[in-house]
mmCIF file of all heavy atoms, coordinates in Angstrom:
data_MODEL
# 
_entry.id   MODEL 
# 
loop_
_atom_site.group_PDB 
_atom_site.id 
_atom_site.type_symbol 
_atom_site.label_atom_id 
_atom_site.label_alt_id 
_atom_site.label_comp_id 
_atom_site.label_asym_id 
_atom_site.label_entity_id 
_atom_site.label_seq_id 
_atom_site.pdbx_PDB_ins_code 
_atom_site.Cartn_x 
_atom_site.Cartn_y 
_atom_site.Cartn_z 
_atom_site.occupancy 
_atom_site.B_iso_or_equiv 
_atom_site.pdbx_formal_charge 
_atom_site.auth_seq_id 
_atom_site.auth_comp_id 
_atom_site.auth_asym_id 
_atom_site.auth_atom_id 
_atom_site.pdbx_PDB_model_num 
ATOM 1   N N   . GLY A 1 1  ? 0.812   -1.206 0.000  1.00 0.00 ? 1  GLY A N   1 
ATOM 2   C CA  . GLY A 1 1  ? 0.000   0.000  0.000  1.00 0.00 ? 1  GLY A CA  1 
ATOM 3   C C   . GLY A 1 1  ? 0.843   1.252  0.000  1.00 0.00 ? 1  GLY A C   1 
ATOM 4   O O   . GLY A 1 1  ? 1.865   1.350  -0.684 1.00 0.00 ? 1  GLY A O   1 
ATOM 5   N N   . CYS A 1 2  ? 0.443   2.227  0.794  1.00 0.00 ? 2  CYS A N   1 
ATOM 6   C CA  . CYS A 1 2  ? 1.167   3.493  0.901  1.00 0.00 ? 2  CYS A CA  1 
ATOM 7   C C   . CYS A 1 2  ? 2.469   3.271  1.662  1.00 0.00 ? 2  CYS A C   1 
ATOM 8   O O   . CYS A 1 2  ? 2.457   2.692  2.751  1.00 0.00 ? 2  CYS A O   1 
ATOM 9   C CB  . CYS A 1 2  ? 0.305   4.528  1.627  1.00 0.00 ? 2  CYS A CB  1 
ATOM 10  S SG  . CYS A 1 2  ? 1.170   6.082  1.969  1.00 0.00 ? 2  CYS A SG  1 
ATOM 11  N N   . PRO A 1 3  ? 3.602   3.723  1.143  1.00 0.00 ? 3  PRO A N   1 
ATOM 12  C CA  . PRO A 1 3  ? 4.872   3.486  1.846  1.00 0.00 ? 3  PRO A CA  1 
ATOM 13  C C   . PRO A 1 3  ? 4.957   4.193  3.196  1.00 0.00 ? 3  PRO A C   1 
ATOM 14  O O   . PRO A 1 3  ? 5.737   3.798  4.059  1.00 0.00 ? 3  PRO A O   1 
ATOM 15  C CB  . PRO A 1 3  ? 5.923   4.029  0.863  1.00 0.00 ? 3  PRO A CB  1 
ATOM 16  C CG  . PRO A 1 3  ? 5.183   4.973  -0.012 1.00 0.00 ? 3  PRO A CG  1 
ATOM 17  C CD  . PRO A 1 3  ? 3.798   4.427  -0.130 1.00 0.00 ? 3  PRO A CD  1 
ATOM 18  N N   . PHE A 1 4  ? 4.141   5.231  3.400  1.00 0.00 ? 4  PHE A N   1 
ATOM 19  C CA  . PHE A 1 4  ? 4.190   5.975  4.671  1.00 0.00 ? 4  PHE A CA  1 
ATOM 20  C C   . PHE A 1 4  ? 3.230   5.425  5.714  1.00 0.00 ? 4  PHE A C   1 
ATOM 21  O O   . PHE A 1 4  ? 3.281   5.819  6.878  1.00 0.00 ? 4  PHE A O   1 
ATOM 22  C CB  . PHE A 1 4  ? 3.869   7.457  4.398  1.00 0.00 ? 4  PHE A CB  1 
ATOM 23  C CG  . PHE A 1 4  ? 4.062   8.353  5.589  1.00 0.00 ? 4  PHE A CG  1 
ATOM 24  C CD1 . PHE A 1 4  ? 5.320   8.527  6.153  1.00 0.00 ? 4  PHE A CD1 1 
ATOM 25  C CD2 . PHE A 1 4  ? 2.983   9.032  6.152  1.00 0.00 ? 4  PHE A CD2 1 
ATOM 26  C CE1 . PHE A 1 4  ? 5.499   9.357  7.260  1.00 0.00 ? 4  PHE A CE1 1 
ATOM 27  C CE2 . PHE A 1 4  ? 3.159   9.863  7.243  1.00 0.00 ? 4  PHE A CE2 1 
ATOM 28  C CZ  . PHE A 1 4  ? 4.422   10.028 7.803  1.00 0.00 ? 4  PHE A CZ  1 
ATOM 29  N N   . GLN A 1 5  ? 2.372   4.469  5.340  1.00 0.00 ? 5  GLN A N   1 
ATOM 30  C CA  . GLN A 1 5  ? 1.317   4.031  6.260  1.00 0.00 ? 5  GLN A CA  1 
ATOM 31  C C   . GLN A 1 5  ? 1.817   3.481  7.596  1.00 0.00 ? 5  GLN A C   1 
ATOM 32  O O   . GLN A 1 5  ? 1.159   3.681  8.626  1.00 0.00 ? 5  GLN A O   1 
ATOM 33  C CB  . GLN A 1 5  ? 0.348   3.056  5.567  1.00 0.00 ? 5  GLN A CB  1 
ATOM 34  C CG  . GLN A 1 5  ? 0.940   1.855  4.866  1.00 0.00 ? 5  GLN A CG  1 
ATOM 35  C CD  . GLN A 1 5  ? 1.137   0.647  5.745  1.00 0.00 ? 5  GLN A CD  1 
ATOM 36  O OE1 . GLN A 1 5  ? 0.864   0.681  6.944  1.00 0.00 ? 5  GLN A OE1 1 
ATOM 37  N NE2 . GLN A 1 5  ? 1.610   -0.447 5.149  1.00 0.00 ? 5  GLN A NE2 1 
ATOM 38  N N   . PRO A 1 6  ? 3.003   2.807  7.706  1.00 0.00 ? 6  PRO A N   1 
ATOM 39  C CA  . PRO A 1 6  ? 3.423   2.337  9.026  1.00 0.00 ? 6  PRO A CA  1 
ATOM 40  C C   . PRO A 1 6  ? 3.707   3.467  10.021 1.00 0.00 ? 6  PRO A C   1 
ATOM 41  O O   . PRO A 1 6  ? 3.705   3.241  11.228 1.00 0.00 ? 6  PRO A O   1 
ATOM 42  C CB  . PRO A 1 6  ? 4.706   1.546  8.721  1.00 0.00 ? 6  PRO A CB  1 
ATOM 43  C CG  . PRO A 1 6  ? 4.610   1.168  7.286  1.00 0.00 ? 6  PRO A CG  1 
ATOM 44  C CD  . PRO A 1 6  ? 3.922   2.329  6.654  1.00 0.00 ? 6  PRO A CD  1 
ATOM 45  N N   . ARG A 1 7  ? 3.932   4.681  9.532  1.00 0.00 ? 7  ARG A N   1 
ATOM 46  C CA  . ARG A 1 7  ? 4.262   5.812  10.394 1.00 0.00 ? 7  ARG A CA  1 
ATOM 47  C C   . ARG A 1 7  ? 3.132   6.830  10.474 1.00 0.00 ? 7  ARG A C   1 
ATOM 48  O O   . ARG A 1 7  ? 3.274   7.852  11.151 1.00 0.00 ? 7  ARG A O   1 
ATOM 49  C CB  . ARG A 1 7  ? 5.519   6.516  9.870  1.00 0.00 ? 7  ARG A CB  1 
ATOM 50  C CG  . ARG A 1 7  ? 6.695   5.599  9.656  1.00 0.00 ? 7  ARG A CG  1 
ATOM 51  C CD  . ARG A 1 7  ? 7.863   6.314  9.003  1.00 0.00 ? 7  ARG A CD  1 
ATOM 52  N NE  . ARG A 1 7  ? 8.496   7.281  9.899  1.00 0.00 ? 7  ARG A NE  1 
ATOM 53  C CZ  . ARG A 1 7  ? 9.486   8.092  9.525  1.00 0.00 ? 7  ARG A CZ  1 
ATOM 54  N NH1 . ARG A 1 7  ? 9.933   8.055  8.283  1.00 0.00 ? 7  ARG A NH1 1 
ATOM 55  N NH2 . ARG A 1 7  ? 10.011  8.931  10.395 1.00 0.00 ? 7  ARG A NH2 1 
ATOM 56  N N   . CYS A 1 8  ? 2.032   6.588  9.783  1.00 0.00 ? 8  CYS A N   1 
ATOM 57  C CA  . CYS A 1 8  ? 0.962   7.582  9.660  1.00 0.00 ? 8  CYS A CA  1 
ATOM 58  C C   . CYS A 1 8  ? -0.123  7.367  10.703 1.00 0.00 ? 8  CYS A C   1 
ATOM 59  O O   . CYS A 1 8  ? -0.689  6.260  10.812 1.00 0.00 ? 8  CYS A O   1 
ATOM 60  C CB  . CYS A 1 8  ? 0.363   7.522  8.255  1.00 0.00 ? 8  CYS A CB  1 
ATOM 61  S SG  . CYS A 1 8  ? -0.904  8.774  7.962  1.00 0.00 ? 8  CYS A SG  1 
ATOM 62  N N   . ALA A 1 9  ? -0.442  8.412  11.446 1.00 0.00 ? 9  ALA A N   1 
ATOM 63  C CA  . ALA A 1 9  ? -1.491  8.323  12.481 1.00 0.00 ? 9  ALA A CA  1 
ATOM 64  C C   . ALA A 1 9  ? -2.879  8.268  11.862 1.00 0.00 ? 9  ALA A C   1 
ATOM 65  O O   . ALA A 1 9  ? -3.842  7.925  12.553 1.00 0.00 ? 9  ALA A O   1 
ATOM 66  C CB  . ALA A 1 9  ? -1.381  9.530  13.412 1.00 0.00 ? 9  ALA A CB  1 
ATOM 67  N N   . HIS A 1 10 ? -3.011  8.594  10.569 1.00 0.00 ? 10 HIS A N   1 
ATOM 68  C CA  . HIS A 1 10 ? -4.320  8.621  9.913  1.00 0.00 ? 10 HIS A CA  1 
ATOM 69  C C   . HIS A 1 10 ? -4.547  7.409  9.015  1.00 0.00 ? 10 HIS A C   1 
ATOM 70  O O   . HIS A 1 10 ? -5.515  7.389  8.245  1.00 0.00 ? 10 HIS A O   1 
ATOM 71  C CB  . HIS A 1 10 ? -4.449  9.895  9.072  1.00 0.00 ? 10 HIS A CB  1 
ATOM 72  C CG  . HIS A 1 10 ? -4.156  11.154 9.813  1.00 0.00 ? 10 HIS A CG  1 
ATOM 73  N ND1 . HIS A 1 10 ? -5.001  11.670 10.770 1.00 0.00 ? 10 HIS A ND1 1 
ATOM 74  C CD2 . HIS A 1 10 ? -3.094  12.001 9.750  1.00 0.00 ? 10 HIS A CD2 1 
ATOM 75  C CE1 . HIS A 1 10 ? -4.477  12.785 11.268 1.00 0.00 ? 10 HIS A CE1 1 
ATOM 76  N NE2 . HIS A 1 10 ? -3.316  13.003 10.666 1.00 0.00 ? 10 HIS A NE2 1 
ATOM 77  N N   . ALA A 1 11 ? -3.666  6.418  9.083  1.00 0.00 ? 11 ALA A N   1 
ATOM 78  C CA  . ALA A 1 11 ? -3.759  5.277  8.159  1.00 0.00 ? 11 ALA A CA  1 
ATOM 79  C C   . ALA A 1 11 ? -5.092  4.549  8.291  1.00 0.00 ? 11 ALA A C   1 
ATOM 80  O O   . ALA A 1 11 ? -5.573  4.285  9.393  1.00 0.00 ? 11 ALA A O   1 
ATOM 81  C CB  . ALA A 1 11 ? -2.600  4.320  8.406  1.00 0.00 ? 11 ALA A CB  1 
ATOM 82  N N   . MET A 1 12 ? -5.681  4.231  7.124  1.00 0.00 ? 12 MET A N   1 
ATOM 83  C CA  . MET A 1 12 ? -6.933  3.487  7.053  1.00 0.00 ? 12 MET A CA  1 
ATOM 84  C C   . MET A 1 12 ? -6.669  2.130  6.404  1.00 0.00 ? 12 MET A C   1 
ATOM 85  O O   . MET A 1 12 ? -5.542  1.859  5.971  1.00 0.00 ? 12 MET A O   1 
ATOM 86  C CB  . MET A 1 12 ? -7.963  4.280  6.236  1.00 0.00 ? 12 MET A CB  1 
ATOM 87  C CG  . MET A 1 12 ? -8.217  5.689  6.764  1.00 0.00 ? 12 MET A CG  1 
ATOM 88  S SD  . MET A 1 12 ? -9.256  6.676  5.645  1.00 0.00 ? 12 MET A SD  1 
ATOM 89  C CE  . MET A 1 12 ? -8.117  6.951  4.278  1.00 0.00 ? 12 MET A CE  1 
ATOM 90  N N   . ASP A 1 13 ? -7.687  1.305  6.322  1.00 0.00 ? 13 ASP A N   1 
ATOM 91  C CA  . ASP A 1 13 ? -7.512  -0.026 5.730  1.00 0.00 ? 13 ASP A CA  1 
ATOM 92  C C   . ASP A 1 13 ? -6.986  0.066  4.303  1.00 0.00 ? 13 ASP A C   1 
ATOM 93  O O   . ASP A 1 13 ? -6.111  -0.710 3.904  1.00 0.00 ? 13 ASP A O   1 
ATOM 94  C CB  . ASP A 1 13 ? -8.855  -0.781 5.733  1.00 0.00 ? 13 ASP A CB  1 
ATOM 95  C CG  . ASP A 1 13 ? -9.270  -1.214 7.142  1.00 0.00 ? 13 ASP A CG  1 
ATOM 96  O OD1 . ASP A 1 13 ? -8.394  -1.213 8.036  1.00 0.00 ? 13 ASP A OD1 1 
ATOM 97  O OD2 . ASP A 1 13 ? -10.449 -1.519 7.336  1.00 0.00 ? 13 ASP A OD2 1 
ATOM 98  N N   . VAL A 1 14 ? -7.525  1.023  3.532  1.00 0.00 ? 14 VAL A N   1 
ATOM 99  C CA  . VAL A 1 14 ? -7.113  1.142  2.139  1.00 0.00 ? 14 VAL A CA  1 
ATOM 100 C C   . VAL A 1 14 ? -5.633  1.501  2.031  1.00 0.00 ? 14 VAL A C   1 
ATOM 101 O O   . VAL A 1 14 ? -4.958  1.120  1.061  1.00 0.00 ? 14 VAL A O   1 
ATOM 102 C CB  . VAL A 1 14 ? -7.998  2.188  1.408  1.00 0.00 ? 14 VAL A CB  1 
ATOM 103 C CG1 . VAL A 1 14 ? -7.740  3.595  1.944  1.00 0.00 ? 14 VAL A CG1 1 
ATOM 104 C CG2 . VAL A 1 14 ? -7.756  2.145  -0.101 1.00 0.00 ? 14 VAL A CG2 1 
ATOM 105 N N   . CYS A 1 15 ? -5.107  2.205  3.041  1.00 0.00 ? 15 CYS A N   1 
ATOM 106 C CA  . CYS A 1 15 ? -3.698  2.610  3.013  1.00 0.00 ? 15 CYS A CA  1 
ATOM 107 C C   . CYS A 1 15 ? -2.772  1.400  3.089  1.00 0.00 ? 15 CYS A C   1 
ATOM 108 O O   . CYS A 1 15 ? -1.656  1.436  2.578  1.00 0.00 ? 15 CYS A O   1 
ATOM 109 C CB  . CYS A 1 15 ? -3.397  3.560  4.167  1.00 0.00 ? 15 CYS A CB  1 
ATOM 110 S SG  . CYS A 1 15 ? -4.411  5.054  4.185  1.00 0.00 ? 15 CYS A SG  1 
ATOM 111 N N   . HIS A 1 16 ? -3.234  0.326  3.739  1.00 0.00 ? 16 HIS A N   1 
ATOM 112 C CA  . HIS A 1 16 ? -2.436  -0.889 3.872  1.00 0.00 ? 16 HIS A CA  1 
ATOM 113 C C   . HIS A 1 16 ? -2.529  -1.769 2.623  1.00 0.00 ? 16 HIS A C   1 
ATOM 114 O O   . HIS A 1 16 ? -1.697  -2.656 2.437  1.00 0.00 ? 16 HIS A O   1 
ATOM 115 C CB  . HIS A 1 16 ? -2.895  -1.692 5.093  1.00 0.00 ? 16 HIS A CB  1 
ATOM 116 C CG  . HIS A 1 16 ? -2.710  -0.965 6.390  1.00 0.00 ? 16 HIS A CG  1 
ATOM 117 N ND1 . HIS A 1 16 ? -1.569  -1.074 7.152  1.00 0.00 ? 16 HIS A ND1 1 
ATOM 118 C CD2 . HIS A 1 16 ? -3.516  -0.110 7.053  1.00 0.00 ? 16 HIS A CD2 1 
ATOM 119 C CE1 . HIS A 1 16 ? -1.681  -0.332 8.239  1.00 0.00 ? 16 HIS A CE1 1 
ATOM 120 N NE2 . HIS A 1 16 ? -2.857  0.267  8.198  1.00 0.00 ? 16 HIS A NE2 1 
ATOM 121 N N   . GLU A 1 17 ? -3.543  -1.508 1.805  1.00 0.00 ? 17 GLU A N   1 
ATOM 122 C CA  . GLU A 1 17 ? -3.809  -2.407 0.687  1.00 0.00 ? 17 GLU A CA  1 
ATOM 123 C C   . GLU A 1 17 ? -3.393  -1.841 -0.671 1.00 0.00 ? 17 GLU A C   1 
ATOM 124 O O   . GLU A 1 17 ? -2.860  -2.567 -1.519 1.00 0.00 ? 17 GLU A O   1 
ATOM 125 C CB  . GLU A 1 17 ? -5.311  -2.739 0.655  1.00 0.00 ? 17 GLU A CB  1 
ATOM 126 C CG  . GLU A 1 17 ? -5.790  -3.455 1.921  1.00 0.00 ? 17 GLU A CG  1 
ATOM 127 C CD  . GLU A 1 17 ? -7.306  -3.482 2.009  1.00 0.00 ? 17 GLU A CD  1 
ATOM 128 O OE1 . GLU A 1 17 ? -7.961  -2.947 1.076  1.00 0.00 ? 17 GLU A OE1 1 
ATOM 129 O OE2 . GLU A 1 17 ? -7.834  -4.006 3.009  1.00 0.00 ? 17 GLU A OE2 1 
ATOM 130 N N   . LEU A 1 18 ? -3.635  -0.552 -0.898 1.00 0.00 ? 18 LEU A N   1 
ATOM 131 C CA  . LEU A 1 18 ? -3.419  0.043  -2.217 1.00 0.00 ? 18 LEU A CA  1 
ATOM 132 C C   . LEU A 1 18 ? -2.522  1.270  -2.115 1.00 0.00 ? 18 LEU A C   1 
ATOM 133 O O   . LEU A 1 18 ? -2.644  2.061  -1.175 1.00 0.00 ? 18 LEU A O   1 
ATOM 134 C CB  . LEU A 1 18 ? -4.759  0.446  -2.852 1.00 0.00 ? 18 LEU A CB  1 
ATOM 135 C CG  . LEU A 1 18 ? -5.768  -0.680 -3.114 1.00 0.00 ? 18 LEU A CG  1 
ATOM 136 C CD1 . LEU A 1 18 ? -7.089  -0.090 -3.596 1.00 0.00 ? 18 LEU A CD1 1 
ATOM 137 C CD2 . LEU A 1 18 ? -5.211  -1.664 -4.126 1.00 0.00 ? 18 LEU A CD2 1 
ATOM 138 N N   . GLU A 1 19 ? -1.647  1.424  -3.090 1.00 0.00 ? 19 GLU A N   1 
ATOM 139 C CA  . GLU A 1 19 ? -0.787  2.593  -3.119 1.00 0.00 ? 19 GLU A CA  1 
ATOM 140 C C   . GLU A 1 19 ? -1.529  3.762  -3.759 1.00 0.00 ? 19 GLU A C   1 
ATOM 141 O O   . GLU A 1 19 ? -2.058  3.624  -4.861 1.00 0.00 ? 19 GLU A O   1 
ATOM 142 C CB  . GLU A 1 19 ? 0.484   2.284  -3.910 1.00 0.00 ? 19 GLU A CB  1 
ATOM 143 C CG  . GLU A 1 19 ? 1.469   3.437  -3.959 1.00 0.00 ? 19 GLU A CG  1 
ATOM 144 C CD  . GLU A 1 19 ? 2.701   3.097  -4.779 1.00 0.00 ? 19 GLU A CD  1 
ATOM 145 O OE1 . GLU A 1 19 ? 3.085   1.911  -4.820 1.00 0.00 ? 19 GLU A OE1 1 
ATOM 146 O OE2 . GLU A 1 19 ? 3.274   4.024  -5.389 1.00 0.00 ? 19 GLU A OE2 1 
ATOM 147 N N   . PRO A 1 20 ? -1.570  4.925  -3.102 1.00 0.00 ? 20 PRO A N   1 
ATOM 148 C CA  . PRO A 1 20 ? -2.290  6.068  -3.682 1.00 0.00 ? 20 PRO A CA  1 
ATOM 149 C C   . PRO A 1 20 ? -1.492  6.705  -4.805 1.00 0.00 ? 20 PRO A C   1 
ATOM 150 O O   . PRO A 1 20 ? -0.262  6.650  -4.830 1.00 0.00 ? 20 PRO A O   1 
ATOM 151 C CB  . PRO A 1 20 ? -2.434  7.021  -2.493 1.00 0.00 ? 20 PRO A CB  1 
ATOM 152 C CG  . PRO A 1 20 ? -1.242  6.715  -1.636 1.00 0.00 ? 20 PRO A CG  1 
ATOM 153 C CD  . PRO A 1 20 ? -0.990  5.237  -1.788 1.00 0.00 ? 20 PRO A CD  1 
ATOM 154 N N   . SER A 1 21 ? -2.186  7.340  -5.731 1.00 0.00 ? 21 SER A N   1 
ATOM 155 C CA  . SER A 1 21 ? -1.542  8.106  -6.790 1.00 0.00 ? 21 SER A CA  1 
ATOM 156 C C   . SER A 1 21 ? -1.692  9.591  -6.472 1.00 0.00 ? 21 SER A C   1 
ATOM 157 O O   . SER A 1 21 ? -2.475  9.979  -5.601 1.00 0.00 ? 21 SER A O   1 
ATOM 158 C CB  . SER A 1 21 ? -2.167  7.782  -8.145 1.00 0.00 ? 21 SER A CB  1 
ATOM 159 O OG  . SER A 1 21 ? -3.567  8.044  -8.117 1.00 0.00 ? 21 SER A OG  1 
ATOM 160 N N   . LEU A 1 22 ? -0.934  10.417 -7.160 1.00 0.00 ? 22 LEU A N   1 
ATOM 161 C CA  . LEU A 1 22 ? -1.017  11.859 -6.932 1.00 0.00 ? 22 LEU A CA  1 
ATOM 162 C C   . LEU A 1 22 ? -2.402  12.369 -7.329 1.00 0.00 ? 22 LEU A C   1 
ATOM 163 O O   . LEU A 1 22 ? -2.884  12.109 -8.436 1.00 0.00 ? 22 LEU A O   1 
ATOM 164 C CB  . LEU A 1 22 ? 0.063   12.586 -7.724 1.00 0.00 ? 22 LEU A CB  1 
ATOM 165 C CG  . LEU A 1 22 ? 1.493   12.434 -7.195 1.00 0.00 ? 22 LEU A CG  1 
ATOM 166 C CD1 . LEU A 1 22 ? 2.489   12.989 -8.201 1.00 0.00 ? 22 LEU A CD1 1 
ATOM 167 C CD2 . LEU A 1 22 ? 1.652   13.122 -5.842 1.00 0.00 ? 22 LEU A CD2 1 
ATOM 168 N N   . THR A 1 23 ? -3.030  13.086 -6.387 1.00 0.00 ? 23 THR A N   1 
ATOM 169 C CA  . THR A 1 23 ? -4.398  13.566 -6.551 1.00 0.00 ? 23 THR A CA  1 
ATOM 170 C C   . THR A 1 23 ? -4.435  15.070 -6.303 1.00 0.00 ? 23 THR A C   1 
ATOM 171 O O   . THR A 1 23 ? -3.731  15.563 -5.412 1.00 0.00 ? 23 THR A O   1 
ATOM 172 C CB  . THR A 1 23 ? -5.328  12.867 -5.532 1.00 0.00 ? 23 THR A CB  1 
ATOM 173 O OG1 . THR A 1 23 ? -5.236  11.453 -5.712 1.00 0.00 ? 23 THR A OG1 1 
ATOM 174 C CG2 . THR A 1 23 ? -6.770  13.309 -5.692 1.00 0.00 ? 23 THR A CG2 1 
ATOM 175 N N   . PRO A 1 24 ? -5.231  15.849 -7.052 1.00 0.00 ? 24 PRO A N   1 
ATOM 176 C CA  . PRO A 1 24 ? -5.331  17.286 -6.782 1.00 0.00 ? 24 PRO A CA  1 
ATOM 177 C C   . PRO A 1 24 ? -5.727  17.554 -5.332 1.00 0.00 ? 24 PRO A C   1 
ATOM 178 O O   . PRO A 1 24 ? -6.647  16.936 -4.799 1.00 0.00 ? 24 PRO A O   1 
ATOM 179 C CB  . PRO A 1 24 ? -6.422  17.745 -7.758 1.00 0.00 ? 24 PRO A CB  1 
ATOM 180 C CG  . PRO A 1 24 ? -6.352  16.773 -8.891 1.00 0.00 ? 24 PRO A CG  1 
ATOM 181 C CD  . PRO A 1 24 ? -6.028  15.454 -8.246 1.00 0.00 ? 24 PRO A CD  1 
ATOM 182 N N   . ALA A 1 25 ? -4.996  18.487 -4.709 1.00 0.00 ? 25 ALA A N   1 
ATOM 183 C CA  . ALA A 1 25 ? -5.239  18.799 -3.298 1.00 0.00 ? 25 ALA A CA  1 
ATOM 184 C C   . ALA A 1 25 ? -5.582  20.269 -3.101 1.00 0.00 ? 25 ALA A C   1 
ATOM 185 O O   . ALA A 1 25 ? -5.569  20.760 -1.971 1.00 0.00 ? 25 ALA A O   1 
ATOM 186 C CB  . ALA A 1 25 ? -4.004  18.429 -2.467 1.00 0.00 ? 25 ALA A CB  1 
ATOM 187 N N   . GLY A 1 26 ? -5.890  20.984 -4.185 1.00 0.00 ? 26 GLY A N   1 
ATOM 188 C CA  . GLY A 1 26 ? -6.249  22.393 -4.099 1.00 0.00 ? 26 GLY A CA  1 
ATOM 189 C C   . GLY A 1 26 ? -5.045  23.299 -4.193 1.00 0.00 ? 26 GLY A C   1 
ATOM 190 O O   . GLY A 1 26 ? -3.941  22.935 -3.795 1.00 0.00 ? 26 GLY A O   1 
ATOM 191 N N   . GLY A 1 27 ? -5.255  24.481 -4.730 1.00 0.00 ? 27 GLY A N   1 
ATOM 192 C CA  . GLY A 1 27 ? -4.194  25.469 -4.820 1.00 0.00 ? 27 GLY A CA  1 
ATOM 193 C C   . GLY A 1 27 ? -3.050  25.077 -5.721 1.00 0.00 ? 27 GLY A C   1 
ATOM 194 O O   . GLY A 1 27 ? -1.922  25.526 -5.532 1.00 0.00 ? 27 GLY A O   1 
# 
């Protein structure tokens, strides 16, 4: 999944399973 998920306080189930891609975050 996400390479940062073991250190992330906000990690969800999807973070352990799938790697996120770059997504628009505003500005």
